[in-house]
Amino acid sequence: MGIKDSNNMGAAMAPAALDTIITHFKDTGRNPSYYDAIITGDLGAVGKEILNELALSKGYNMKANYNDCGVLIFDKEKQDVHSGGSGCGCCASVFSGFLFNQLKQKKLKKILLVATGALTNATTSQQGESIPGIAHAVSIEI
């Protein structure tokens, strides 16, 4: 998508997350309402909004059951976190703690967990290259 700002990882990774999610829906014949929760990690608040807008532009409304680990791990009202968490540990922490407990308690039965990443380094940012994003999805059902 041409994002070059290494301080805006949510925007860089959101298109990859959406591509993975839409590919999953097409491959399985499912839609957003099939899942109790669609969770990305870690786009933060900015990337979450971008993903919602991109999804709507492609005909997918995920607002009812979509959230992001970078948003879930912090209390934005009580903590000065701005856009939320980032990094591979955020997705793992939220899943292995909060989401896994939700599954065990049967509060959630179907989750689409979409881990995101950015393929960047200091050199590409200094050279003004765009930041490629990557995402993979795991469907978890009990």
N, C-alpha and C. Protein backbone atom coordinates (compact mmCIF):
# COMPACT_ATOMS: atom_id res chain seq x y z
N MET A 1 0.82 -1.21 0.00
CA MET A 1 0.00 0.00 0.00
C MET A 1 0.86 1.26 0.00
N GLY A 2 2.18 1.10 -0.04
CA GLY A 2 3.05 2.26 -0.14
C GLY A 2 3.36 2.94 1.18
N ILE A 3 3.09 2.30 2.31
CA ILE A 3 3.40 2.91 3.61
C ILE A 3 4.90 2.87 3.82
N LYS A 4 5.49 4.03 4.10
CA LYS A 4 6.94 4.13 4.28
C LYS A 4 7.32 4.56 5.68
N ASP A 5 6.35 4.94 6.48
CA ASP A 5 6.60 5.44 7.83
C ASP A 5 6.73 4.27 8.80
N SER A 6 7.94 4.04 9.31
CA SER A 6 8.15 2.91 10.21
C SER A 6 7.49 3.11 11.57
N ASN A 7 6.92 4.28 11.80
CA ASN A 7 6.17 4.53 13.03
C ASN A 7 4.68 4.26 12.84
N ASN A 8 4.31 3.75 11.68
CA ASN A 8 2.90 3.48 11.38
C ASN A 8 2.75 2.03 10.93
N MET A 9 3.14 1.11 11.79
CA MET A 9 3.12 -0.31 11.44
C MET A 9 1.70 -0.83 11.22
N GLY A 10 0.73 -0.30 11.96
CA GLY A 10 -0.65 -0.75 11.77
C GLY A 10 -1.12 -0.53 10.34
N ALA A 11 -0.80 0.63 9.79
CA ALA A 11 -1.18 0.92 8.40
C ALA A 11 -0.42 0.04 7.42
N ALA A 12 0.82 -0.27 7.74
CA ALA A 12 1.62 -1.12 6.85
C ALA A 12 1.11 -2.56 6.85
N MET A 13 0.64 -3.04 7.98
CA MET A 13 0.25 -4.45 8.10
C MET A 13 -1.23 -4.72 7.82
N ALA A 14 -2.08 -3.72 7.95
CA ALA A 14 -3.53 -3.92 7.78
C ALA A 14 -3.90 -4.53 6.43
N PRO A 15 -3.32 -4.09 5.31
CA PRO A 15 -3.68 -4.70 4.02
C PRO A 15 -3.33 -6.19 3.95
N ALA A 16 -2.22 -6.59 4.53
CA ALA A 16 -1.85 -8.01 4.53
C ALA A 16 -2.83 -8.81 5.38
N ALA A 17 -3.23 -8.24 6.52
CA ALA A 17 -4.22 -8.92 7.37
C ALA A 17 -5.53 -9.11 6.62
N LEU A 18 -5.98 -8.06 5.94
CA LEU A 18 -7.23 -8.17 5.20
C LEU A 18 -7.13 -9.20 4.08
N ASP A 19 -6.02 -9.19 3.36
CA ASP A 19 -5.84 -10.16 2.28
C ASP A 19 -5.91 -11.59 2.82
N THR A 20 -5.27 -11.83 3.95
CA THR A 20 -5.31 -13.17 4.56
C THR A 20 -6.72 -13.53 5.00
N ILE A 21 -7.43 -12.59 5.61
CA ILE A 21 -8.79 -12.84 6.08
C ILE A 21 -9.73 -13.12 4.91
N ILE A 22 -9.68 -12.30 3.89
CA ILE A 22 -10.56 -12.50 2.72
C ILE A 22 -10.23 -13.81 2.02
N THR A 23 -8.96 -14.12 1.89
CA THR A 23 -8.56 -15.40 1.27
C THR A 23 -9.12 -16.57 2.08
N HIS A 24 -9.06 -16.46 3.40
CA HIS A 24 -9.62 -17.51 4.27
C HIS A 24 -11.12 -17.65 4.04
N PHE A 25 -11.84 -16.53 3.99
CA PHE A 25 -13.28 -16.59 3.76
C PHE A 25 -13.59 -17.24 2.42
N LYS A 26 -12.86 -16.87 1.39
CA LYS A 26 -13.10 -17.44 0.06
C LYS A 26 -12.76 -18.92 0.02
N ASP A 27 -11.65 -19.31 0.66
CA ASP A 27 -11.24 -20.71 0.66
C ASP A 27 -12.21 -21.60 1.42
N THR A 28 -12.79 -21.07 2.50
CA THR A 28 -13.65 -21.90 3.36
C THR A 28 -15.14 -21.69 3.12
N GLY A 29 -15.50 -20.66 2.36
CA GLY A 29 -16.91 -20.34 2.16
C GLY A 29 -17.55 -19.70 3.38
N ARG A 30 -16.72 -19.24 4.31
CA ARG A 30 -17.24 -18.59 5.53
C ARG A 30 -17.31 -17.09 5.33
N ASN A 31 -17.94 -16.43 6.29
CA ASN A 31 -18.00 -14.97 6.29
C ASN A 31 -17.71 -14.49 7.71
N PRO A 32 -17.61 -13.20 7.93
CA PRO A 32 -17.26 -12.71 9.28
C PRO A 32 -18.17 -13.21 10.39
N SER A 33 -19.46 -13.36 10.11
CA SER A 33 -20.38 -13.77 11.17
C SER A 33 -20.21 -15.23 11.60
N TYR A 34 -19.45 -16.01 10.85
CA TYR A 34 -19.18 -17.40 11.24
C TYR A 34 -18.42 -17.45 12.57
N TYR A 35 -17.57 -16.47 12.79
CA TYR A 35 -16.70 -16.46 13.97
C TYR A 35 -17.29 -15.63 15.09
N ASP A 36 -17.07 -16.10 16.32
CA ASP A 36 -17.42 -15.31 17.50
C ASP A 36 -16.48 -14.12 17.60
N ALA A 37 -15.24 -14.32 17.18
CA ALA A 37 -14.24 -13.25 17.26
C ALA A 37 -13.23 -13.41 16.13
N ILE A 38 -12.93 -12.31 15.48
CA ILE A 38 -11.83 -12.22 14.53
C ILE A 38 -10.83 -11.28 15.18
N ILE A 39 -9.64 -11.78 15.43
CA ILE A 39 -8.66 -11.03 16.20
C ILE A 39 -7.36 -10.91 15.41
N THR A 40 -6.90 -9.68 15.22
CA THR A 40 -5.59 -9.48 14.59
C THR A 40 -4.58 -9.12 15.66
N GLY A 41 -3.33 -9.21 15.29
CA GLY A 41 -2.27 -8.81 16.21
C GLY A 41 -0.99 -8.58 15.45
N ASP A 42 -0.47 -7.46 15.48
CA ASP A 42 -0.97 -6.40 16.35
C ASP A 42 -1.02 -5.11 15.56
N LEU A 43 -2.19 -4.71 15.20
CA LEU A 43 -2.35 -3.52 14.38
C LEU A 43 -2.53 -2.25 15.21
N GLY A 44 -2.92 -2.39 16.45
CA GLY A 44 -3.19 -1.22 17.28
C GLY A 44 -4.47 -0.54 16.84
N ALA A 45 -4.81 0.55 17.50
CA ALA A 45 -6.07 1.25 17.22
C ALA A 45 -6.11 1.83 15.81
N VAL A 46 -5.00 2.37 15.36
CA VAL A 46 -4.96 2.96 14.02
C VAL A 46 -5.13 1.89 12.96
N GLY A 47 -4.35 0.82 13.06
CA GLY A 47 -4.45 -0.27 12.08
C GLY A 47 -5.79 -0.96 12.11
N LYS A 48 -6.39 -1.06 13.30
CA LYS A 48 -7.73 -1.67 13.43
C LYS A 48 -8.75 -0.89 12.63
N GLU A 49 -8.72 0.42 12.75
CA GLU A 49 -9.66 1.26 11.99
C GLU A 49 -9.41 1.16 10.48
N ILE A 50 -8.15 1.12 10.10
CA ILE A 50 -7.82 0.99 8.68
C ILE A 50 -8.34 -0.34 8.15
N LEU A 51 -8.13 -1.41 8.92
CA LEU A 51 -8.61 -2.73 8.48
C LEU A 51 -10.13 -2.73 8.34
N ASN A 52 -10.84 -2.14 9.30
CA ASN A 52 -12.30 -2.06 9.20
C ASN A 52 -12.74 -1.33 7.94
N GLU A 53 -12.08 -0.21 7.63
CA GLU A 53 -12.43 0.56 6.44
C GLU A 53 -12.12 -0.22 5.16
N LEU A 54 -10.95 -0.86 5.11
CA LEU A 54 -10.59 -1.65 3.93
C LEU A 54 -11.56 -2.82 3.74
N ALA A 55 -11.93 -3.48 4.84
CA ALA A 55 -12.86 -4.61 4.76
C ALA A 55 -14.21 -4.16 4.21
N LEU A 56 -14.71 -3.04 4.70
CA LEU A 56 -15.99 -2.52 4.20
C LEU A 56 -15.91 -2.21 2.71
N SER A 57 -14.76 -1.67 2.27
CA SER A 57 -14.61 -1.35 0.85
C SER A 57 -14.60 -2.59 -0.03
N LYS A 58 -14.30 -3.75 0.58
CA LYS A 58 -14.31 -5.02 -0.15
C LYS A 58 -15.59 -5.81 0.08
N GLY A 59 -16.55 -5.22 0.80
CA GLY A 59 -17.84 -5.86 1.02
C GLY A 59 -17.91 -6.74 2.26
N TYR A 60 -16.99 -6.60 3.18
CA TYR A 60 -16.97 -7.39 4.42
C TYR A 60 -17.12 -6.47 5.62
N ASN A 61 -18.18 -6.65 6.38
CA ASN A 61 -18.38 -5.88 7.59
C ASN A 61 -18.01 -6.76 8.78
N MET A 62 -16.91 -6.43 9.43
CA MET A 62 -16.41 -7.23 10.55
C MET A 62 -16.53 -6.50 11.88
N LYS A 63 -17.13 -5.33 11.89
CA LYS A 63 -17.13 -4.49 13.09
C LYS A 63 -17.76 -5.18 14.30
N ALA A 64 -18.74 -6.03 14.09
CA ALA A 64 -19.45 -6.65 15.21
C ALA A 64 -18.58 -7.63 16.00
N ASN A 65 -17.64 -8.29 15.34
CA ASN A 65 -16.87 -9.32 16.04
C ASN A 65 -15.36 -9.21 15.82
N TYR A 66 -14.88 -8.06 15.37
CA TYR A 66 -13.45 -7.88 15.13
C TYR A 66 -12.80 -7.02 16.21
N ASN A 67 -11.60 -7.43 16.60
CA ASN A 67 -10.81 -6.63 17.52
C ASN A 67 -9.34 -6.92 17.26
N ASP A 68 -8.48 -6.23 17.95
CA ASP A 68 -7.05 -6.37 17.75
C ASP A 68 -6.37 -6.55 19.10
N CYS A 69 -5.39 -7.44 19.14
CA CYS A 69 -4.66 -7.71 20.38
C CYS A 69 -3.97 -6.47 20.93
N GLY A 70 -3.47 -5.63 20.05
CA GLY A 70 -2.82 -4.40 20.49
C GLY A 70 -3.78 -3.44 21.18
N VAL A 71 -5.06 -3.57 20.88
CA VAL A 71 -6.09 -2.76 21.53
C VAL A 71 -6.55 -3.46 22.81
N LEU A 72 -6.71 -4.77 22.76
CA LEU A 72 -7.22 -5.53 23.91
C LEU A 72 -6.27 -5.58 25.09
N ILE A 73 -4.98 -5.54 24.84
CA ILE A 73 -4.01 -5.76 25.93
C ILE A 73 -3.87 -4.56 26.86
N PHE A 74 -4.28 -3.39 26.40
CA PHE A 74 -4.15 -2.18 27.21
C PHE A 74 -5.51 -1.55 27.48
N ASP A 75 -5.58 -0.76 28.54
CA ASP A 75 -6.74 0.07 28.83
C ASP A 75 -6.38 1.48 28.38
N LYS A 76 -6.87 1.88 27.22
CA LYS A 76 -6.49 3.16 26.62
C LYS A 76 -6.90 4.35 27.49
N GLU A 77 -7.94 4.18 28.29
CA GLU A 77 -8.39 5.27 29.16
C GLU A 77 -7.46 5.45 30.37
N LYS A 78 -6.88 4.36 30.86
CA LYS A 78 -6.06 4.44 32.07
C LYS A 78 -4.56 4.43 31.79
N GLN A 79 -4.16 4.02 30.59
CA GLN A 79 -2.74 3.93 30.25
C GLN A 79 -2.43 4.82 29.05
N ASP A 80 -1.29 5.42 29.06
CA ASP A 80 -0.88 6.31 27.97
C ASP A 80 -0.22 5.47 26.87
N VAL A 81 -1.05 4.75 26.09
CA VAL A 81 -0.52 3.84 25.08
C VAL A 81 -0.77 4.29 23.65
N HIS A 82 -1.48 5.37 23.48
CA HIS A 82 -1.77 5.93 22.16
C HIS A 82 -2.48 4.91 21.26
N SER A 83 -1.77 4.25 20.37
CA SER A 83 -2.42 3.34 19.43
C SER A 83 -2.56 1.92 19.98
N GLY A 84 -1.89 1.60 21.06
CA GLY A 84 -1.97 0.25 21.62
C GLY A 84 -0.64 -0.46 21.51
N GLY A 85 -0.68 -1.76 21.67
CA GLY A 85 0.54 -2.57 21.65
C GLY A 85 0.96 -2.96 20.27
N SER A 86 2.19 -3.36 20.19
CA SER A 86 2.73 -3.87 18.93
C SER A 86 3.72 -4.97 19.25
N GLY A 87 4.03 -5.75 18.24
CA GLY A 87 5.02 -6.79 18.42
C GLY A 87 4.41 -8.16 18.51
N CYS A 88 5.22 -9.14 18.18
CA CYS A 88 4.72 -10.53 18.14
C CYS A 88 4.26 -11.02 19.50
N GLY A 89 4.82 -10.53 20.58
CA GLY A 89 4.43 -10.98 21.91
C GLY A 89 3.03 -10.59 22.29
N CYS A 90 2.52 -9.52 21.74
CA CYS A 90 1.18 -9.03 22.08
C CYS A 90 0.11 -10.03 21.65
N CYS A 91 0.22 -10.52 20.44
CA CYS A 91 -0.76 -11.48 19.92
C CYS A 91 -0.70 -12.78 20.74
N ALA A 92 0.51 -13.24 21.00
CA ALA A 92 0.68 -14.48 21.78
C ALA A 92 0.16 -14.31 23.20
N SER A 93 0.43 -13.17 23.81
CA SER A 93 -0.01 -12.93 25.19
C SER A 93 -1.53 -12.88 25.29
N VAL A 94 -2.16 -12.16 24.39
CA VAL A 94 -3.62 -12.04 24.44
C VAL A 94 -4.28 -13.39 24.16
N PHE A 95 -3.73 -14.13 23.19
CA PHE A 95 -4.34 -15.43 22.91
C PHE A 95 -4.14 -16.40 24.07
N SER A 96 -2.90 -16.55 24.54
CA SER A 96 -2.62 -17.58 25.54
C SER A 96 -3.20 -17.25 26.91
N GLY A 97 -3.55 -16.00 27.13
CA GLY A 97 -4.19 -15.63 28.38
C GLY A 97 -5.68 -15.45 28.21
N PHE A 98 -6.07 -14.27 27.80
CA PHE A 98 -7.48 -13.88 27.73
C PHE A 98 -8.31 -14.76 26.78
N LEU A 99 -7.88 -14.89 25.53
CA LEU A 99 -8.70 -15.61 24.55
C LEU A 99 -8.79 -17.11 24.86
N PHE A 100 -7.69 -17.70 25.30
CA PHE A 100 -7.71 -19.12 25.64
C PHE A 100 -8.69 -19.37 26.79
N ASN A 101 -8.69 -18.48 27.78
CA ASN A 101 -9.65 -18.61 28.88
C ASN A 101 -11.09 -18.46 28.39
N GLN A 102 -11.32 -17.56 27.44
CA GLN A 102 -12.66 -17.39 26.87
C GLN A 102 -13.11 -18.68 26.17
N LEU A 103 -12.17 -19.35 25.50
CA LEU A 103 -12.48 -20.63 24.85
C LEU A 103 -12.77 -21.71 25.89
N LYS A 104 -11.95 -21.80 26.92
CA LYS A 104 -12.15 -22.80 27.97
C LYS A 104 -13.49 -22.62 28.67
N GLN A 105 -13.89 -21.37 28.86
CA GLN A 105 -15.15 -21.08 29.53
C GLN A 105 -16.34 -21.14 28.56
N LYS A 106 -16.05 -21.45 27.31
CA LYS A 106 -17.05 -21.54 26.25
C LYS A 106 -17.80 -20.22 26.02
N LYS A 107 -17.17 -19.10 26.36
CA LYS A 107 -17.72 -17.78 26.02
C LYS A 107 -17.48 -17.48 24.55
N LEU A 108 -16.42 -18.05 24.02
CA LEU A 108 -16.11 -18.01 22.59
C LEU A 108 -15.95 -19.45 22.12
N LYS A 109 -16.45 -19.76 20.94
CA LYS A 109 -16.32 -21.12 20.41
C LYS A 109 -15.57 -21.16 19.09
N LYS A 110 -15.54 -20.03 18.37
CA LYS A 110 -14.88 -19.96 17.07
C LYS A 110 -14.10 -18.66 16.97
N ILE A 111 -12.79 -18.78 16.82
CA ILE A 111 -11.93 -17.60 16.71
C ILE A 111 -11.11 -17.71 15.44
N LEU A 112 -10.98 -16.62 14.73
CA LEU A 112 -10.01 -16.51 13.65
C LEU A 112 -8.93 -15.57 14.16
N LEU A 113 -7.75 -16.13 14.44
CA LEU A 113 -6.62 -15.37 14.97
C LEU A 113 -5.66 -15.09 13.83
N VAL A 114 -5.42 -13.82 13.57
CA VAL A 114 -4.61 -13.40 12.43
C VAL A 114 -3.40 -12.63 12.94
N ALA A 115 -2.25 -13.30 12.95
CA ALA A 115 -1.01 -12.66 13.40
C ALA A 115 -0.42 -11.86 12.23
N THR A 116 0.06 -10.67 12.54
CA THR A 116 0.57 -9.78 11.50
C THR A 116 2.03 -9.45 11.76
N GLY A 117 2.70 -9.03 10.72
CA GLY A 117 4.09 -8.61 10.84
C GLY A 117 4.46 -7.66 9.73
N ALA A 118 5.58 -7.00 9.93
CA ALA A 118 6.12 -6.09 8.92
C ALA A 118 7.53 -6.54 8.58
N LEU A 119 7.82 -6.61 7.32
CA LEU A 119 9.13 -7.04 6.85
C LEU A 119 9.97 -5.80 6.58
N THR A 120 10.54 -5.29 7.65
CA THR A 120 11.27 -4.03 7.53
C THR A 120 12.55 -4.08 8.35
N ASN A 121 13.41 -3.16 8.05
CA ASN A 121 14.62 -2.95 8.83
C ASN A 121 15.03 -1.49 8.69
N ALA A 122 16.03 -1.10 9.42
CA ALA A 122 16.45 0.31 9.43
C ALA A 122 16.90 0.78 8.05
N THR A 123 17.55 -0.10 7.30
CA THR A 123 18.07 0.30 5.99
C THR A 123 16.95 0.63 5.02
N THR A 124 15.93 -0.21 4.95
CA THR A 124 14.84 0.07 4.00
C THR A 124 14.11 1.35 4.35
N SER A 125 13.93 1.62 5.66
CA SER A 125 13.28 2.86 6.07
C SER A 125 14.13 4.07 5.66
N GLN A 126 15.43 3.98 5.86
CA GLN A 126 16.32 5.09 5.49
C GLN A 126 16.34 5.31 3.98
N GLN A 127 16.11 4.27 3.23
CA GLN A 127 16.11 4.38 1.77
C GLN A 127 14.75 4.79 1.22
N GLY A 128 13.77 4.96 2.09
CA GLY A 128 12.45 5.40 1.66
C GLY A 128 11.62 4.32 1.00
N GLU A 129 11.97 3.06 1.22
CA GLU A 129 11.21 1.95 0.64
C GLU A 129 9.90 1.75 1.40
N SER A 130 8.89 1.24 0.72
CA SER A 130 7.63 0.93 1.40
C SER A 130 7.82 -0.32 2.25
N ILE A 131 6.97 -0.46 3.24
CA ILE A 131 7.08 -1.55 4.21
C ILE A 131 6.12 -2.67 3.83
N PRO A 132 6.64 -3.83 3.45
CA PRO A 132 5.74 -4.95 3.15
C PRO A 132 5.19 -5.56 4.44
N GLY A 133 3.92 -5.92 4.40
CA GLY A 133 3.29 -6.56 5.54
C GLY A 133 3.05 -8.03 5.25
N ILE A 134 2.86 -8.80 6.32
CA ILE A 134 2.60 -10.23 6.20
C ILE A 134 1.59 -10.62 7.28
N ALA A 135 0.82 -11.64 7.01
CA ALA A 135 -0.15 -12.12 8.00
C ALA A 135 -0.43 -13.60 7.76
N HIS A 136 -0.72 -14.30 8.83
CA HIS A 136 -1.20 -15.67 8.71
C HIS A 136 -2.35 -15.86 9.68
N ALA A 137 -3.24 -16.78 9.33
CA ALA A 137 -4.45 -16.98 10.13
C ALA A 137 -4.52 -18.41 10.65
N VAL A 138 -5.09 -18.51 11.85
CA VAL A 138 -5.35 -19.80 12.47
C VAL A 138 -6.81 -19.78 12.90
N SER A 139 -7.57 -20.74 12.44
CA SER A 139 -8.96 -20.87 12.85
C SER A 139 -9.01 -21.83 14.03
N ILE A 140 -9.53 -21.38 15.14
CA ILE A 140 -9.59 -22.18 16.36
C ILE A 140 -11.05 -22.36 16.74
N GLU A 141 -11.46 -23.63 16.85
CA GLU A 141 -12.85 -23.92 17.17
C GLU A 141 -12.92 -24.98 18.25
N ILE A 142 -13.90 -24.83 19.15
CA ILE A 142 -14.13 -25.86 20.16
C ILE A 142 -15.52 -26.43 19.99
